[in-house]
């Protein structure tokens, strides 16, 4: 949530974000994501890759830390 807030990506709660990821890439619907499921799912979904990349971009966090 903190990284999303710093990056200005607050259009989705952390819970909504997590649920969306599970809906898209939990291929066996067991409620758990293996590293393989996550990696394969993100690689196959360009929109999800972009969303995750933007949501977890730490460059703005580093700027805040550097500037005190």
Protein backbone atom coordinates (compact mmCIF):
# COMPACT_ATOMS: atom_id res chain seq x y z
CA UNK A 1 0.00 0.00 0.00
CA UNK A 2 2.80 2.41 0.88
CA UNK A 3 4.59 1.92 -2.44
CA UNK A 4 1.32 2.33 -4.33
CA UNK A 5 0.54 5.54 -2.42
CA UNK A 6 3.97 7.03 -3.09
CA UNK A 7 3.65 6.16 -6.78
CA UNK A 8 0.13 7.59 -6.99
CA UNK A 9 -1.40 4.20 -7.86
CA UNK A 10 -4.22 4.20 -5.32
CA UNK A 11 -7.08 3.28 -7.63
CA UNK A 12 -7.11 -0.25 -6.19
CA UNK A 13 -6.83 -1.46 -2.60
CA UNK A 14 -4.14 -3.98 -1.70
CA UNK A 15 -6.87 -6.61 -1.28
CA UNK A 16 -8.39 -5.82 -4.69
CA UNK A 17 -4.93 -5.95 -6.26
CA UNK A 18 -4.21 -9.35 -4.67
CA UNK A 19 -7.61 -10.77 -5.65
CA UNK A 20 -7.15 -9.61 -9.24
CA UNK A 21 -3.76 -11.32 -9.45
CA UNK A 22 -5.14 -14.57 -8.06
CA UNK A 23 -8.12 -14.49 -10.45
CA UNK A 24 -5.80 -14.05 -13.42
CA UNK A 25 -2.99 -16.46 -12.62
CA UNK A 26 -3.98 -19.05 -9.98
CA UNK A 27 -4.40 -21.65 -12.71
CA UNK A 28 -5.27 -24.57 -10.45
CA UNK A 29 -7.59 -22.45 -8.25
CA UNK A 30 -6.07 -23.69 -5.00
CA UNK A 31 -5.84 -20.21 -3.47
CA UNK A 32 -2.05 -20.32 -3.51
CA UNK A 33 0.46 -19.10 -6.05
CA UNK A 34 3.65 -20.98 -6.70
CA UNK A 35 6.59 -19.02 -8.04
CA UNK A 36 6.07 -20.86 -11.33
CA UNK A 37 2.37 -19.88 -11.55
CA UNK A 38 3.19 -16.28 -10.73
CA UNK A 39 6.07 -16.02 -13.19
CA UNK A 40 4.22 -17.74 -16.03
CA UNK A 41 1.04 -15.77 -15.40
CA UNK A 42 2.75 -12.40 -15.39
CA UNK A 43 4.84 -13.22 -18.46
CA UNK A 44 1.68 -14.14 -20.41
CA UNK A 45 -0.36 -11.07 -19.42
CA UNK A 46 1.07 -7.77 -20.69
CA UNK A 47 -1.47 -5.68 -18.77
CA UNK A 48 -0.68 -7.46 -15.52
CA UNK A 49 3.06 -7.07 -16.12
CA UNK A 50 2.61 -3.33 -16.64
CA UNK A 51 0.41 -2.99 -13.56
CA UNK A 52 2.87 -4.87 -11.35
CA UNK A 53 5.83 -2.95 -12.75
CA UNK A 54 4.15 0.38 -11.98
CA UNK A 55 2.81 -0.72 -8.61
CA UNK A 56 6.18 -1.89 -7.34
CA UNK A 57 8.38 0.78 -8.89
CA UNK A 58 10.68 1.85 -6.06
CA UNK A 59 12.29 4.82 -7.81
CA UNK A 60 9.96 7.32 -6.11
CA UNK A 61 10.58 5.65 -2.75
CA UNK A 62 14.31 6.07 -3.23
CA UNK A 63 13.83 9.76 -4.09
CA UNK A 64 11.84 10.29 -0.87
CA UNK A 65 14.56 8.56 1.16
CA UNK A 66 17.34 10.52 -0.51
CA UNK A 67 15.58 13.85 0.01
CA UNK A 68 14.84 13.10 3.66
